Amino acid sequence: THTSINAHMINQQLMEERLTSLQQQLDDQKNISNDGTLMWKITNVQQKI
């Protein structure tokens, strides 16, 4: 039915948002070393020079 399709689409959107959030949290953790110092990730270095 139309209602169940809408519910499925909402659930899918929520799951995608949660996945994006978890991916960001994982990326954030990659930038923290074991001693608590932060490491900077610099992208497009050639363009910024």
Protein backbone atom coordinates (compact mmCIF):
# COMPACT_ATOMS: atom_id res chain seq x y z
CA THR A 1 0.00 0.00 0.00
CA HIS A 2 0.94 3.65 -0.31
CA THR A 3 1.34 4.02 3.47
CA SER A 4 3.78 1.14 3.75
CA ILE A 5 5.83 2.49 0.84
CA ASN A 6 6.05 5.88 2.55
CA ALA A 7 7.05 4.23 5.82
CA HIS A 8 9.74 2.25 4.02
CA MET A 9 11.08 5.40 2.35
CA ILE A 10 11.21 7.22 5.70
CA ASN A 11 13.01 4.28 7.31
CA GLN A 12 15.50 4.19 4.45
CA GLN A 13 16.16 7.92 4.78
CA LEU A 14 16.71 7.58 8.54
CA MET A 15 19.11 4.69 7.99
CA GLU A 16 21.06 6.68 5.39
CA GLU A 17 21.32 9.63 7.79
CA ARG A 18 22.53 7.32 10.56
CA LEU A 19 25.09 5.76 8.24
CA THR A 20 26.38 9.20 7.26
CA SER A 21 26.66 10.13 10.93
CA LEU A 22 28.56 6.94 11.74
CA GLN A 23 30.91 7.49 8.80
CA GLN A 24 31.66 11.01 10.06
CA GLN A 25 32.30 9.71 13.58
CA LEU A 26 34.69 7.09 12.18
CA ASP A 27 36.52 9.71 10.12
CA ASP A 28 36.80 11.93 13.19
CA GLN A 29 38.34 9.07 15.19
CA LYS A 30 40.95 8.47 12.49
CA ASN A 31 42.30 11.97 13.15
CA ILE A 32 43.00 11.37 16.84
CA SER A 33 46.20 9.58 17.82
CA ASN A 34 46.66 7.34 20.86
CA ASP A 35 48.22 10.11 22.94
CA GLY A 36 45.31 12.49 22.38
CA THR A 37 46.97 14.80 19.88
CA LEU A 38 45.08 15.74 16.75
CA MET A 39 46.38 15.05 13.27
CA TRP A 40 45.39 17.43 10.49
CA LYS A 41 44.31 16.06 7.14
CA ILE A 42 45.07 18.50 4.35
CA THR A 43 43.44 17.75 1.01
CA ASN A 44 44.23 19.25 -2.40
CA VAL A 45 47.70 20.35 -1.29
CA GLN A 46 48.85 21.18 -4.83
CA GLN A 47 45.90 23.52 -5.32
CA LYS A 48 46.49 25.27 -2.01
CA ILE A 49 50.20 25.94 -2.58
